[in-house]
Amino acid sequence: MVNVIQLIKYCWQQYIDWCDRMGLTPDNRRSCMPRLADPELIKQTKLADKPESTER
């Protein structure tokens, strides 16, 4: 059981090191962990709401 825990810790540290090498750090707003909340959706207007262009 101890060997399994050591293996998990080793693999986790390798993963964290890889994230650091790839620049996936919280400082640049990227993270190795998934987001806990989705970003806000931007409401888009319907195509019918856009004025038609007279230029062709």
PDB file of N, CA and C in Angstrom:
ATOM      1  N   MET A   1       0.818  -1.194   0.000  1.00  0.00           N
ATOM      2  CA  MET A   1       0.000   0.000   0.000  1.00  0.00           C
ATOM      3  C   MET A   1       0.864   1.261   0.000  1.00  0.00           C
ATOM      4  N   VAL A   2       1.958   1.228   0.723  1.00  0.00           N
ATOM      5  CA  VAL A   2       2.853   2.379   0.793  1.00  0.00           C
ATOM      6  C   VAL A   2       3.442   2.668  -0.585  1.00  0.00           C
ATOM      7  N   ASN A   3       3.784   1.611  -1.334  1.00  0.00           N
ATOM      8  CA  ASN A   3       4.348   1.802  -2.666  1.00  0.00           C
ATOM      9  C   ASN A   3       3.352   2.466  -3.608  1.00  0.00           C
ATOM     10  N   VAL A   4       2.084   2.135  -3.479  1.00  0.00           N
ATOM     11  CA  VAL A   4       1.053   2.737  -4.321  1.00  0.00           C
ATOM     12  C   VAL A   4       0.934   4.231  -4.020  1.00  0.00           C
ATOM     13  N   ILE A   5       0.956   4.588  -2.765  1.00  0.00           N
ATOM     14  CA  ILE A   5       0.878   6.003  -2.381  1.00  0.00           C
ATOM     15  C   ILE A   5       2.093   6.762  -2.894  1.00  0.00           C
ATOM     16  N   GLN A   6       3.268   6.162  -2.780  1.00  0.00           N
ATOM     17  CA  GLN A   6       4.485   6.798  -3.283  1.00  0.00           C
ATOM     18  C   GLN A   6       4.410   6.966  -4.803  1.00  0.00           C
ATOM     19  N   LEU A   7       3.863   5.978  -5.502  1.00  0.00           N
ATOM     20  CA  LEU A   7       3.721   6.067  -6.950  1.00  0.00           C
ATOM     21  C   LEU A   7       2.767   7.199  -7.328  1.00  0.00           C
ATOM     22  N   ILE A   8       1.662   7.310  -6.622  1.00  0.00           N
ATOM     23  CA  ILE A   8       0.702   8.378  -6.891  1.00  0.00           C
ATOM     24  C   ILE A   8       1.341   9.742  -6.650  1.00  0.00           C
ATOM     25  N   LYS A   9       2.057   9.886  -5.553  1.00  0.00           N
ATOM     26  CA  LYS A   9       2.729  11.148  -5.254  1.00  0.00           C
ATOM     27  C   LYS A   9       3.762  11.486  -6.327  1.00  0.00           C
ATOM     28  N   TYR A  10       4.511  10.490  -6.761  1.00  0.00           N
ATOM     29  CA  TYR A  10       5.533  10.704  -7.799  1.00  0.00           C
ATOM     30  C   TYR A  10       4.869  11.157  -9.107  1.00  0.00           C
ATOM     31  N   CYS A  11       3.821  10.456  -9.510  1.00  0.00           N
ATOM     32  CA  CYS A  11       3.119  10.801 -10.749  1.00  0.00           C
ATOM     33  C   CYS A  11       2.496  12.190 -10.663  1.00  0.00           C
ATOM     34  N   TRP A  12       1.921  12.513  -9.518  1.00  0.00           N
ATOM     35  CA  TRP A  12       1.324  13.835  -9.332  1.00  0.00           C
ATOM     36  C   TRP A  12       2.379  14.926  -9.451  1.00  0.00           C
ATOM     37  N   GLN A  13       3.538  14.709  -8.849  1.00  0.00           N
ATOM     38  CA  GLN A  13       4.610  15.706  -8.920  1.00  0.00           C
ATOM     39  C   GLN A  13       5.112  15.852 -10.358  1.00  0.00           C
ATOM     40  N   GLN A  14       5.195  14.753 -11.094  1.00  0.00           N
ATOM     41  CA  GLN A  14       5.599  14.825 -12.492  1.00  0.00           C
ATOM     42  C   GLN A  14       4.588  15.639 -13.302  1.00  0.00           C
ATOM     43  N   TYR A  15       3.323  15.433 -13.017  1.00  0.00           N
ATOM     44  CA  TYR A  15       2.261  16.174 -13.697  1.00  0.00           C
ATOM     45  C   TYR A  15       2.353  17.666 -13.389  1.00  0.00           C
ATOM     46  N   ILE A  16       2.549  18.008 -12.129  1.00  0.00           N
ATOM     47  CA  ILE A  16       2.679  19.410 -11.729  1.00  0.00           C
ATOM     48  C   ILE A  16       3.898  20.039 -12.394  1.00  0.00           C
ATOM     49  N   ASP A  17       5.014  19.323 -12.436  1.00  0.00           N
ATOM     50  CA  ASP A  17       6.218  19.826 -13.095  1.00  0.00           C
ATOM     51  C   ASP A  17       5.969  20.053 -14.583  1.00  0.00           C
ATOM     52  N   TRP A  18       5.239  19.135 -15.223  1.00  0.00           N
ATOM     53  CA  TRP A  18       4.922  19.271 -16.637  1.00  0.00           C
ATOM     54  C   TRP A  18       4.054  20.515 -16.872  1.00  0.00           C
ATOM     55  N   CYS A  19       3.078  20.718 -16.009  1.00  0.00           N
ATOM     56  CA  CYS A  19       2.218  21.908 -16.122  1.00  0.00           C
ATOM     57  C   CYS A  19       3.061  23.181 -16.008  1.00  0.00           C
ATOM     58  N   ASP A  20       3.994  23.204 -15.078  1.00  0.00           N
ATOM     59  CA  ASP A  20       4.864  24.367 -14.909  1.00  0.00           C
ATOM     60  C   ASP A  20       5.716  24.596 -16.153  1.00  0.00           C
ATOM     61  N   ARG A  21       6.261  23.539 -16.718  1.00  0.00           N
ATOM     62  CA  ARG A  21       7.083  23.668 -17.922  1.00  0.00           C
ATOM     63  C   ARG A  21       6.268  24.169 -19.112  1.00  0.00           C
ATOM     64  N   MET A  22       5.012  23.790 -19.182  1.00  0.00           N
ATOM     65  CA  MET A  22       4.142  24.205 -20.285  1.00  0.00           C
ATOM     66  C   MET A  22       3.550  25.592 -20.058  1.00  0.00           C
ATOM     67  N   GLY A  23       3.812  26.186 -18.908  1.00  0.00           N
ATOM     68  CA  GLY A  23       3.294  27.519 -18.608  1.00  0.00           C
ATOM     69  C   GLY A  23       1.865  27.504 -18.098  1.00  0.00           C
ATOM     70  N   LEU A  24       1.405  26.365 -17.664  1.00  0.00           N
ATOM     71  CA  LEU A  24       0.035  26.257 -17.161  1.00  0.00           C
ATOM     72  C   LEU A  24       0.016  26.547 -15.664  1.00  0.00           C
ATOM     73  N   THR A  25       0.089  27.829 -15.344  1.00  0.00           N
ATOM     74  CA  THR A  25       0.129  28.235 -13.946  1.00  0.00           C
ATOM     75  C   THR A  25      -1.043  29.158 -13.650  1.00  0.00           C
ATOM     76  N   PRO A  26      -1.480  29.238 -12.410  1.00  0.00           N
ATOM     77  CA  PRO A  26      -2.576  30.154 -12.060  1.00  0.00           C
ATOM     78  C   PRO A  26      -2.226  31.614 -12.325  1.00  0.00           C
ATOM     79  N   ASP A  27      -0.928  31.953 -12.349  1.00  0.00           N
ATOM     80  CA  ASP A  27      -0.523  33.341 -12.568  1.00  0.00           C
ATOM     81  C   ASP A  27      -0.948  33.849 -13.941  1.00  0.00           C
ATOM     82  N   ASN A  28      -0.922  32.987 -14.958  1.00  0.00           N
ATOM     83  CA  ASN A  28      -1.325  33.453 -16.280  1.00  0.00           C
ATOM     84  C   ASN A  28      -2.736  32.985 -16.620  1.00  0.00           C
ATOM     85  N   ARG A  29      -3.532  32.761 -15.592  1.00  0.00           N
ATOM     86  CA  ARG A  29      -4.947  32.431 -15.687  1.00  0.00           C
ATOM     87  C   ARG A  29      -5.205  31.119 -16.413  1.00  0.00           C
ATOM     88  N   ARG A  30      -4.237  30.262 -16.409  1.00  0.00           N
ATOM     89  CA  ARG A  30      -4.421  28.919 -16.927  1.00  0.00           C
ATOM     90  C   ARG A  30      -4.121  27.972 -15.771  1.00  0.00           C
ATOM     91  N   SER A  31      -4.707  26.831 -15.813  1.00  0.00           N
ATOM     92  CA  SER A  31      -4.553  25.922 -14.701  1.00  0.00           C
ATOM     93  C   SER A  31      -4.596  24.489 -15.188  1.00  0.00           C
ATOM     94  N   CYS A  32      -3.940  23.635 -14.444  1.00  0.00           N
ATOM     95  CA  CYS A  32      -3.981  22.218 -14.750  1.00  0.00           C
ATOM     96  C   CYS A  32      -5.295  21.606 -14.275  1.00  0.00           C
ATOM     97  N   MET A  33      -5.974  22.292 -13.411  1.00  0.00           N
ATOM     98  CA  MET A  33      -7.222  21.771 -12.856  1.00  0.00           C
ATOM     99  C   MET A  33      -8.400  22.272 -13.686  1.00  0.00           C
ATOM    100  N   PRO A  34      -9.456  21.482 -13.779  1.00  0.00           N
ATOM    101  CA  PRO A  34     -10.638  21.950 -14.513  1.00  0.00           C
ATOM    102  C   PRO A  34     -11.315  23.101 -13.783  1.00  0.00           C
ATOM    103  N   ARG A  35     -12.032  23.903 -14.525  1.00  0.00           N
ATOM    104  CA  ARG A  35     -12.746  25.026 -13.920  1.00  0.00           C
ATOM    105  C   ARG A  35     -13.933  24.508 -13.132  1.00  0.00           C
ATOM    106  N   LEU A  36     -14.200  25.138 -12.018  1.00  0.00           N
ATOM    107  CA  LEU A  36     -15.328  24.740 -11.203  1.00  0.00           C
ATOM    108  C   LEU A  36     -16.629  25.386 -11.670  1.00  0.00           C
ATOM    109  N   ALA A  37     -16.511  26.477 -12.411  1.00  0.00           N
ATOM    110  CA  ALA A  37     -17.700  27.164 -12.909  1.00  0.00           C
ATOM    111  C   ALA A  37     -17.477  27.526 -14.374  1.00  0.00           C
ATOM    112  N   ASP A  38     -18.533  27.479 -15.147  1.00  0.00           N
ATOM    113  CA  ASP A  38     -18.440  27.877 -16.541  1.00  0.00           C
ATOM    114  C   ASP A  38     -18.387  29.395 -16.623  1.00  0.00           C
ATOM    115  N   PRO A  39     -17.698  29.926 -17.630  1.00  0.00           N
ATOM    116  CA  PRO A  39     -17.690  31.382 -17.786  1.00  0.00           C
ATOM    117  C   PRO A  39     -19.069  31.875 -18.213  1.00  0.00           C
ATOM    118  N   GLU A  40     -19.312  33.159 -17.976  1.00  0.00           N
ATOM    119  CA  GLU A  40     -20.595  33.733 -18.349  1.00  0.00           C
ATOM    120  C   GLU A  40     -20.762  33.673 -19.859  1.00  0.00           C
ATOM    121  N   LEU A  41     -21.968  33.371 -20.294  1.00  0.00           N
ATOM    122  CA  LEU A  41     -22.260  33.349 -21.719  1.00  0.00           C
ATOM    123  C   LEU A  41     -22.573  34.764 -22.191  1.00  0.00           C
ATOM    124  N   ILE A  42     -22.074  35.102 -23.357  1.00  0.00           N
ATOM    125  CA  ILE A  42     -22.334  36.410 -23.945  1.00  0.00           C
ATOM    126  C   ILE A  42     -23.576  36.278 -24.820  1.00  0.00           C
ATOM    127  N   LYS A  43     -24.545  37.113 -24.542  1.00  0.00           N
ATOM    128  CA  LYS A  43     -25.786  37.059 -25.289  1.00  0.00           C
ATOM    129  C   LYS A  43     -25.555  37.624 -26.687  1.00  0.00           C
ATOM    130  N   GLN A  44     -25.906  36.857 -27.705  1.00  0.00           N
ATOM    131  CA  GLN A  44     -25.739  37.302 -29.076  1.00  0.00           C
ATOM    132  C   GLN A  44     -27.097  37.684 -29.647  1.00  0.00           C
ATOM    133  N   THR A  45     -27.073  38.676 -30.521  1.00  0.00           N
ATOM    134  CA  THR A  45     -28.314  39.106 -31.146  1.00  0.00           C
ATOM    135  C   THR A  45     -28.666  38.157 -32.278  1.00  0.00           C
ATOM    136  N   LYS A  46     -29.935  38.107 -32.604  1.00  0.00           N
ATOM    137  CA  LYS A  46     -30.393  37.273 -33.706  1.00  0.00           C
ATOM    138  C   LYS A  46     -29.979  37.904 -35.030  1.00  0.00           C
ATOM    139  N   LEU A  47     -29.865  37.101 -36.059  1.00  0.00           N
ATOM    140  CA  LEU A  47     -29.495  37.616 -37.379  1.00  0.00           C
ATOM    141  C   LEU A  47     -30.546  38.588 -37.910  1.00  0.00           C
ATOM    142  N   ALA A  48     -31.803  38.384 -37.580  1.00  0.00           N
ATOM    143  CA  ALA A  48     -32.873  39.249 -38.064  1.00  0.00           C
ATOM    144  C   ALA A  48     -32.772  40.644 -37.460  1.00  0.00           C
ATOM    145  N   ASP A  49     -32.111  40.799 -36.330  1.00  0.00           N
ATOM    146  CA  ASP A  49     -31.986  42.101 -35.676  1.00  0.00           C
ATOM    147  C   ASP A  49     -30.955  43.002 -36.346  1.00  0.00           C
ATOM    148  N   LYS A  50     -30.065  42.404 -37.144  1.00  0.00           N
ATOM    149  CA  LYS A  50     -29.012  43.194 -37.783  1.00  0.00           C
ATOM    150  C   LYS A  50     -29.573  43.933 -38.993  1.00  0.00           C
ATOM    151  N   PRO A  51     -29.218  45.208 -39.160  1.00  0.00           N
ATOM    152  CA  PRO A  51     -29.674  45.945 -40.345  1.00  0.00           C
ATOM    153  C   PRO A  51     -28.963  45.395 -41.580  1.00  0.00           C
ATOM    154  N   GLU A  52     -29.692  45.329 -42.666  1.00  0.00           N
ATOM    155  CA  GLU A  52     -29.103  44.816 -43.911  1.00  0.00           C
ATOM    156  C   GLU A  52     -28.211  45.889 -44.522  1.00  0.00           C
ATOM    157  N   SER A  53     -27.132  45.462 -45.111  1.00  0.00           N
ATOM    158  CA  SER A  53     -26.209  46.376 -45.760  1.00  0.00           C
ATOM    159  C   SER A  53     -26.731  46.689 -47.162  1.00  0.00           C
ATOM    160  N   THR A  54     -26.594  47.960 -47.583  1.00  0.00           N
ATOM    161  CA  THR A  54     -27.033  48.338 -48.916  1.00  0.00           C
ATOM    162  C   THR A  54     -25.914  48.179 -49.931  1.00  0.00           C
ATOM    163  N   GLU A  55     -24.693  48.005 -49.482  1.00  0.00           N
ATOM    164  CA  GLU A  55     -23.556  47.809 -50.386  1.00  0.00           C
ATOM    165  C   GLU A  55     -23.506  46.386 -50.859  1.00  0.00           C
ATOM    166  N   ARG A  56     -23.141  46.218 -52.124  1.00  0.00           N
ATOM    167  CA  ARG A  56     -23.003  44.858 -52.674  1.00  0.00           C
ATOM    168  C   ARG A  56     -21.741  44.725 -53.433  1.00  0.00           C
TER     169      ARG A  56
END
